[in-house]
Every structure is written in C-alpha cells, then in structure tokens.
Amino acid sequence: MLKVYKSSENGLLHELSIKTLEKGAWINLVNPTPYELKVVSNFTEVEPDLLKSALDEEERSHTELEDNCMMVVTNVPIMRGKDIYDTLPLGIIITEDYTITVCLENNPVISEFNENTARLFRTFKKTRFLLQILYKSATVYLKHLRQISKLSEDIEKQLRKSMKNQELLQLLELQKGLTYFNASIRSNGAVLDKILRLRSSHNLQRFLKIYEEDEDLLEDVIIENKQAKEMVEMYSKILSRMADTFASIISNNLNLVMKFLASITIMLAIPTVISSFFGMNVDVPFGEDHGFLYVSLIALGLTSLCAFVLWRKDMF
C-alpha cells in the first residue's frame, strides 16, 4: 500500500498522489509491492535496497547516513492475537524534501498519525515528525507493558484456583512477548543515543535540523524509552519468578499425589498378602467354624495399624 500525505499550515492533512508529490510530503509504504518501491525510488532518488531493508522481519534498530538521505530503523510493538505480543521493524527515511516510512504491516504507531490527529504534527517539519514517531513508539510500548502487567495478574489469580494448561501457555506467551520487547527497546535506546550524539554533526544536520523544542522532545523520547526498558525488565523478572513458583507448586502437588498413591498401594498390599498366604494349603485358624471371619479381622487389623502409622508419618 502506498499513501502520500502533506500537512497544511492550518493543521489539515491532505492526501496526494505520488505523481503530485510536493516538498514536505510524507510517503507511507505498508507491505509495498516491487512496483511501488520502484516508483518511490524513482521519485525520491532513494535506493530500492534501502527501502527494502525495513521489510526484513529480523532487521534490528539502527541508523544509516547516506549521501542523499538518512535512515532510522526502529522496532515498534504490535499484537498478533489476544495475548500475543511481537515487534516489527519500521523504517523512517529522511531526505532533503520528503519523509518516507516503510513497514511490513499496519502498526499502532503509524496509525496514530491520521486526519484526526493532524493538528498535532506537521509532515514538513521532518525532525519533529521523526521524533514524534519515536515518542509514539515508546508510549505504545508502555501501553502494552501495562496490559501485560494486568494480564499477568489475571493469570496469577486463575492459577491460584486451578493449574490448567491454558493459563500456563498464556504465561509462556507473555514471557516471549517481553523477551521481544526487551531486545527491541534496548536497540531503540541505542538509536536514540546515537541521534543524541550526532545531533550537532554537519552530516546529520543536512537532513535533521534539531531546534530547541526538538531537543526537549528528544529528551522526552529518551526518558520514555528508559521507562519502558525498566518496566520490561521488572515485568520479565516477575513473570519468570511466577513461572518458577508455579512450576514448584505443580511439582509439589505431583509429589503429594504420588505419596498418597504409594500409601494406598501399601495398605492394599496387606490384605492381598494375608489372603494369599491363607489361600495356600495351610490350616486356617478356626477353619471349621469362623475361619474366614478371623482371617478378615486379622487383615483389617493389620491394614488399620498400617494406615495409622502412615497417617502419623504424614503420608496422607
């Protein structure tokens, strides 16, 4: 999908076509076709390979400075199901005239920049637009982390009532999501640190002119990213300890069941042995009158004694 937008001075967002491309426009590519990549490359003079690099699902966050553009790849959070969290690379390419975003899927970060929020950003203010995208990415991470925290509390309550595989699998999915978030937030932080270091360099200022208000926004982005990093580390530890705790509980419950079954087996073995013994060719006590009754009483007495001993030893 190829969309072209440009903000007006009064805060409205207008949609353009690639053929009517204007300076200060924003080109948004979502899962683009080879033809769309070629068209954008021809109009913006950005190398097709640079546009394609953000379409690799395994691409890590980084920055690149080329002769005619600057590229920032950041990982943004997405949801692939009810409790399935993942990350996706988002490429932001800044040229002297345009801003280009490239992503494999629609994501909650870019979706926030639309006609309804047009007054909050300007496509022709490239530096501020880039920082706003990075800031939105950090806030979406924080939003998803709060959701994960609430989900983990709900799962913990359910696990306290019953140890079902469904809750344990949900816990596993949350742990996987936090692992992806942790790696992505760390690499995003490295990108922000690099932009902070290079903000005064001549090569960077060809594409990004950072003014005083942009400095404040950059600091806000770094603070939000650090907060997300701290939260994901804390929640990862909590979920890891929760998983270890419930694994220990499950193991302990299994031991209790096995101990109970072993006790029952021992108790059932006593009448079996006695009946087998007197079932052989031996004399049964009082066999002519009440032999069966006496043998049964002996078996019952020994079984009761065994049950008492096992009970005193806390076997059941």
Protein backbone atom coordinates (compact mmCIF):
# COMPACT_ATOMS: atom_id res chain seq x y z
CA MET A 1 0.00 0.00 0.00
CA LEU A 2 1.30 3.41 -0.97
CA LYS A 3 -0.10 6.61 0.54
CA VAL A 4 1.17 10.19 0.26
CA TYR A 5 0.20 12.93 2.72
CA LYS A 6 1.14 16.53 3.35
CA SER A 7 0.22 18.84 6.20
CA SER A 8 -1.03 22.33 5.51
CA GLU A 9 -0.12 25.38 7.56
CA ASN A 10 -3.54 25.38 9.23
CA GLY A 11 -3.05 21.82 10.53
CA LEU A 12 -5.03 19.80 7.99
CA LEU A 13 -3.69 16.61 6.43
CA HIS A 14 -4.16 16.30 2.68
CA GLU A 15 -3.73 13.12 0.69
CA LEU A 16 -1.71 13.42 -2.52
CA SER A 17 -0.75 11.03 -5.26
CA ILE A 18 2.81 10.03 -5.98
CA LYS A 19 2.62 11.95 -9.26
CA THR A 20 1.69 15.17 -7.45
CA LEU A 21 4.43 14.76 -4.85
CA GLU A 22 5.32 18.01 -3.10
CA LYS A 23 8.20 19.11 -0.93
CA GLY A 24 7.49 18.33 2.74
CA ALA A 25 5.25 15.35 1.93
CA TRP A 26 5.10 12.10 3.88
CA ILE A 27 5.19 8.85 1.88
CA ASN A 28 3.82 5.88 3.82
CA LEU A 29 4.56 2.39 2.49
CA VAL A 30 2.88 -0.64 4.09
CA ASN A 31 3.89 -4.05 2.70
CA PRO A 32 4.73 -2.40 -0.64
CA THR A 33 4.86 -4.22 -3.95
CA PRO A 34 8.06 -4.17 -6.04
CA TYR A 35 6.34 -1.71 -8.38
CA GLU A 36 5.54 0.68 -5.51
CA LEU A 37 9.12 0.50 -4.27
CA LYS A 38 10.40 1.27 -7.76
CA VAL A 39 8.04 4.23 -8.17
CA VAL A 40 9.01 5.73 -4.81
CA SER A 41 12.68 5.18 -5.57
CA ASN A 42 12.34 6.97 -8.90
CA PHE A 43 10.53 10.00 -7.43
CA THR A 44 12.67 10.36 -4.30
CA GLU A 45 16.04 9.07 -5.59
CA VAL A 46 16.31 6.72 -2.61
CA GLU A 47 17.97 3.39 -3.37
CA PRO A 48 15.47 0.48 -3.57
CA ASP A 49 17.71 -1.65 -1.33
CA LEU A 50 17.44 0.98 1.38
CA LEU A 51 13.65 0.90 1.14
CA LYS A 52 13.65 -2.91 1.26
CA SER A 53 15.87 -3.12 4.35
CA ALA A 54 12.97 -2.24 6.67
CA LEU A 55 10.92 -5.10 5.19
CA ASP A 56 13.11 -7.72 6.86
CA GLU A 57 11.31 -9.01 9.96
CA GLU A 58 14.65 -9.66 11.67
CA GLU A 59 16.06 -6.18 11.00
CA ARG A 60 17.45 -4.57 14.14
CA SER A 61 17.15 -0.91 15.07
CA HIS A 62 19.92 1.22 13.60
CA THR A 63 20.68 4.46 11.78
CA GLU A 64 22.31 4.98 8.39
CA LEU A 65 23.61 8.16 6.80
CA GLU A 66 23.73 8.14 3.01
CA ASP A 67 24.72 10.85 0.55
CA ASN A 68 21.12 11.88 -0.14
CA CYS A 69 19.18 10.66 2.90
CA MET A 70 19.20 9.43 6.47
CA MET A 71 17.51 6.22 7.58
CA VAL A 72 16.32 5.30 11.06
CA VAL A 73 15.08 1.75 11.65
CA THR A 74 13.19 1.30 14.91
CA ASN A 75 11.26 -1.68 16.24
CA VAL A 76 7.62 -0.97 17.07
CA PRO A 77 5.28 -3.14 19.18
CA ILE A 78 2.32 -4.98 17.66
CA MET A 79 -0.28 -7.51 18.80
CA ARG A 80 -0.80 -10.68 16.76
CA GLY A 81 -3.64 -12.04 18.87
CA LYS A 82 -5.38 -11.70 22.19
CA ASP A 83 -2.28 -12.28 24.33
CA ILE A 84 0.47 -12.46 21.68
CA TYR A 85 2.90 -9.53 21.60
CA ASP A 86 5.61 -9.04 18.99
CA THR A 87 7.75 -6.34 17.40
CA LEU A 88 8.18 -5.20 13.84
CA PRO A 89 10.85 -3.04 12.17
CA LEU A 90 9.72 0.39 10.98
CA GLY A 91 11.97 2.26 8.58
CA ILE A 92 11.93 6.07 8.58
CA ILE A 93 13.86 7.65 5.73
CA ILE A 94 14.52 11.40 5.77
CA THR A 95 15.58 13.11 2.55
CA GLU A 96 16.03 16.83 1.96
CA ASP A 97 12.44 17.07 0.69
CA TYR A 98 10.45 14.09 1.97
CA THR A 99 9.81 11.73 4.87
CA ILE A 100 9.29 8.07 3.98
CA THR A 101 8.03 5.36 6.33
CA VAL A 102 8.25 1.69 5.39
CA CYS A 103 6.74 -1.24 7.29
CA LEU A 104 5.55 -4.77 6.58
CA GLU A 105 2.21 -4.30 8.35
CA ASN A 106 -0.13 -1.66 9.63
CA ASN A 107 1.04 -0.84 13.13
CA PRO A 108 -0.37 1.17 16.05
CA VAL A 109 2.42 3.76 15.83
CA ILE A 110 1.92 4.99 12.27
CA SER A 111 -1.86 4.55 12.58
CA GLU A 112 -1.87 7.35 15.18
CA PHE A 113 -0.82 9.86 12.52
CA ASN A 114 -4.03 10.44 10.60
CA GLU A 115 -6.65 13.08 9.78
CA ASN A 116 -8.00 13.04 13.34
CA THR A 117 -4.61 13.86 14.87
CA ALA A 118 -3.36 16.06 12.02
CA ARG A 119 -3.17 19.18 14.22
CA LEU A 120 -0.56 17.51 16.43
CA PHE A 121 2.10 17.04 13.73
CA ARG A 122 3.42 18.59 10.52
CA THR A 123 4.85 16.40 7.78
CA PHE A 124 7.12 19.22 6.55
CA LYS A 125 8.76 19.54 10.00
CA LYS A 126 10.87 16.46 9.39
CA THR A 127 12.88 16.44 12.61
CA ARG A 128 9.87 16.91 14.85
CA PHE A 129 7.86 14.40 12.82
CA LEU A 130 10.61 11.77 13.24
CA LEU A 131 10.83 12.39 16.99
CA GLN A 132 7.05 12.25 17.33
CA ILE A 133 7.03 8.83 15.64
CA LEU A 134 9.76 7.61 18.02
CA TYR A 135 7.89 9.10 21.00
CA LYS A 136 4.66 7.40 19.94
CA SER A 137 6.53 4.10 19.64
CA ALA A 138 7.80 4.44 23.23
CA THR A 139 4.31 5.27 24.55
CA VAL A 140 2.79 2.26 22.74
CA TYR A 141 5.42 0.06 24.40
CA LEU A 142 4.37 1.45 27.79
CA LYS A 143 0.71 0.85 26.96
CA HIS A 144 1.35 -2.79 26.02
CA LEU A 145 3.51 -3.31 29.11
CA ARG A 146 0.64 -2.14 31.33
CA GLN A 147 -1.64 -4.59 29.51
CA ILE A 148 0.87 -7.38 30.12
CA SER A 149 1.01 -6.45 33.81
CA LYS A 150 -2.79 -6.68 34.09
CA LEU A 151 -2.88 -9.97 32.15
CA SER A 152 -0.22 -11.49 34.38
CA GLU A 153 -2.25 -10.56 37.47
CA ASP A 154 -5.36 -12.18 35.97
CA ILE A 155 -3.39 -15.32 35.08
CA GLU A 156 -1.97 -15.48 38.60
CA LYS A 157 -5.49 -15.35 40.08
CA GLN A 158 -6.62 -18.15 37.77
CA LEU A 159 -3.57 -20.28 38.57
CA ARG A 160 -4.27 -19.96 42.28
CA LYS A 161 -7.64 -21.62 41.65
CA SER A 162 -6.62 -24.28 39.15
CA MET A 163 -3.45 -25.35 37.33
CA LYS A 164 -4.70 -25.50 33.76
CA ASN A 165 -2.51 -25.73 30.69
CA GLN A 166 -4.26 -22.74 29.14
CA GLU A 167 -3.07 -20.33 31.84
CA LEU A 168 0.46 -21.74 31.73
CA LEU A 169 0.56 -21.31 27.94
CA GLN A 170 -0.66 -17.72 28.32
CA LEU A 171 2.15 -17.12 30.79
CA LEU A 172 4.62 -18.52 28.25
CA GLU A 173 3.30 -16.18 25.52
CA LEU A 174 3.68 -13.17 27.81
CA GLN A 175 7.26 -14.17 28.60
CA LYS A 176 8.02 -14.46 24.89
CA GLY A 177 6.47 -11.04 24.24
CA LEU A 178 8.55 -9.46 27.00
CA THR A 179 11.69 -11.03 25.54
CA TYR A 180 10.95 -9.43 22.16
CA PHE A 181 10.13 -6.12 23.82
CA ASN A 182 13.33 -6.17 25.86
CA ALA A 183 15.57 -6.71 22.83
CA SER A 184 13.74 -4.08 20.76
CA ILE A 185 13.67 -1.40 23.48
CA ARG A 186 17.39 -1.84 24.08
CA SER A 187 18.23 -1.45 20.38
CA ASN A 188 15.85 1.52 20.12
CA GLY A 189 17.70 3.12 23.02
CA ALA A 190 20.99 2.70 21.16
CA VAL A 191 19.46 4.52 18.15
CA LEU A 192 18.28 7.40 20.35
CA ASP A 193 21.70 7.68 21.97
CA LYS A 194 23.32 7.86 18.54
CA ILE A 195 20.94 10.60 17.39
CA LEU A 196 21.71 12.47 20.62
CA ARG A 197 25.46 12.19 19.99
CA LEU A 198 25.27 13.18 16.32
CA ARG A 199 22.68 15.96 16.66
CA SER A 200 25.33 18.63 16.14
CA SER A 201 27.20 16.91 13.32
CA HIS A 202 27.17 18.52 9.89
CA ASN A 203 26.20 15.28 8.12
CA LEU A 204 23.11 14.85 10.28
CA GLN A 205 22.03 18.48 10.03
CA ARG A 206 21.73 18.16 6.27
CA PHE A 207 18.56 16.17 6.90
CA LEU A 208 17.65 16.86 10.53
CA LYS A 209 17.92 20.34 11.97
CA ILE A 210 17.33 19.97 15.68
CA TYR A 211 15.96 23.14 17.27
CA GLU A 212 15.49 23.86 20.97
CA GLU A 213 11.95 22.44 21.15
CA ASP A 214 13.20 19.36 19.31
CA GLU A 215 15.90 18.91 21.95
CA ASP A 216 13.17 18.78 24.60
CA LEU A 217 11.18 16.26 22.59
CA LEU A 218 14.29 14.11 22.06
CA GLU A 219 14.89 14.09 25.82
CA ASP A 220 11.25 13.07 26.37
CA VAL A 221 11.65 10.20 23.91
CA ILE A 222 14.80 9.00 25.70
CA ILE A 223 13.05 9.23 29.10
CA GLU A 224 10.02 7.27 27.85
CA ASN A 225 12.27 4.62 26.32
CA LYS A 226 14.24 4.27 29.56
CA GLN A 227 10.99 3.92 31.49
CA ALA A 228 9.83 1.21 29.08
CA LYS A 229 13.20 -0.52 29.48
CA GLU A 230 12.91 -0.52 33.28
CA MET A 231 9.31 -1.76 33.14
CA VAL A 232 10.06 -4.61 30.75
CA GLU A 233 12.99 -5.75 32.92
CA MET A 234 10.82 -5.63 36.06
CA TYR A 235 7.89 -7.49 34.46
CA SER A 236 10.27 -10.09 32.98
CA LYS A 237 11.64 -10.85 36.44
CA ILE A 238 8.13 -11.01 37.92
CA LEU A 239 6.86 -13.41 35.24
CA SER A 240 10.00 -15.54 35.47
CA ARG A 241 9.64 -15.89 39.24
CA MET A 242 5.91 -16.52 38.87
CA ALA A 243 6.58 -19.31 36.37
CA ASP A 244 9.23 -20.84 38.66
CA THR A 245 6.88 -20.63 41.65
CA PHE A 246 4.00 -22.35 39.90
CA ALA A 247 6.37 -24.96 38.46
CA SER A 248 7.44 -25.73 42.04
CA ILE A 249 3.79 -25.88 43.14
CA ILE A 250 2.93 -28.29 40.33
CA SER A 251 5.93 -30.47 41.21
CA ASN A 252 4.96 -30.43 44.90
CA ASN A 253 1.35 -31.37 44.06
CA LEU A 254 2.62 -34.25 41.95
CA ASN A 255 4.78 -35.45 44.84
CA LEU A 256 1.78 -35.32 47.18
CA VAL A 257 -0.32 -37.37 44.76
CA MET A 258 2.44 -39.94 44.31
CA LYS A 259 2.90 -40.18 48.10
CA PHE A 260 -0.84 -40.71 48.59
CA LEU A 261 -0.98 -43.38 45.88
CA ALA A 262 2.06 -45.15 47.39
CA SER A 263 0.34 -45.19 50.79
CA ILE A 264 -2.84 -46.65 49.31
CA THR A 265 -0.78 -49.29 47.48
CA ILE A 266 0.92 -50.35 50.72
CA MET A 267 -2.40 -50.60 52.55
CA LEU A 268 -3.99 -52.65 49.77
CA ALA A 269 -0.99 -54.98 49.70
CA ILE A 270 -1.54 -56.17 53.31
CA PRO A 271 -4.91 -57.96 52.80
CA THR A 272 -3.62 -59.27 49.50
CA VAL A 273 -0.61 -60.91 51.18
CA ILE A 274 -2.69 -62.34 54.04
CA SER A 275 -5.37 -63.75 51.75
CA SER A 276 -2.70 -65.23 49.50
CA PHE A 277 -0.98 -66.86 52.45
CA PHE A 278 -4.11 -68.50 53.83
CA GLY A 279 -5.23 -69.33 50.32
CA MET A 280 -2.40 -71.86 50.11
CA ASN A 281 -2.61 -75.40 51.50
CA VAL A 282 -2.29 -74.36 55.15
CA ASP A 283 -4.54 -74.67 58.15
CA VAL A 284 -6.88 -71.73 58.66
CA PRO A 285 -7.46 -70.69 62.31
CA PHE A 286 -10.87 -71.87 63.43
CA GLY A 287 -11.35 -73.08 59.92
CA GLU A 288 -14.26 -75.32 60.79
CA ASP A 289 -16.33 -72.53 62.33
CA HIS A 290 -15.40 -68.90 61.53
CA GLY A 291 -12.04 -69.15 59.77
CA PHE A 292 -12.87 -66.64 57.03
CA LEU A 293 -14.08 -64.10 59.59
CA TYR A 294 -10.91 -64.35 61.67
CA VAL A 295 -8.64 -64.03 58.63
CA SER A 296 -10.59 -60.97 57.54
CA LEU A 297 -10.27 -59.44 61.00
CA ILE A 298 -6.52 -60.07 61.00
CA ALA A 299 -6.20 -58.38 57.58
CA LEU A 300 -8.37 -55.48 58.69
CA GLY A 301 -6.39 -55.02 61.91
CA LEU A 302 -3.03 -55.03 60.19
CA THR A 303 -4.32 -52.67 57.48
CA SER A 304 -5.69 -50.30 60.15
CA LEU A 305 -2.37 -50.39 62.00
CA CYS A 306 -0.50 -49.65 58.78
CA ALA A 307 -2.91 -46.78 57.98
CA PHE A 308 -2.34 -45.31 61.47
CA VAL A 309 1.44 -45.48 61.11
CA LEU A 310 1.31 -43.87 57.65
CA TRP A 311 -1.02 -41.16 58.95
CA ARG A 312 1.37 -40.40 61.83
CA LYS A 313 4.18 -40.08 59.27
CA ASP A 314 2.02 -37.61 57.28
CA MET A 315 1.86 -39.83 54.22
CA PHE A 316 -1.72 -38.76 53.50
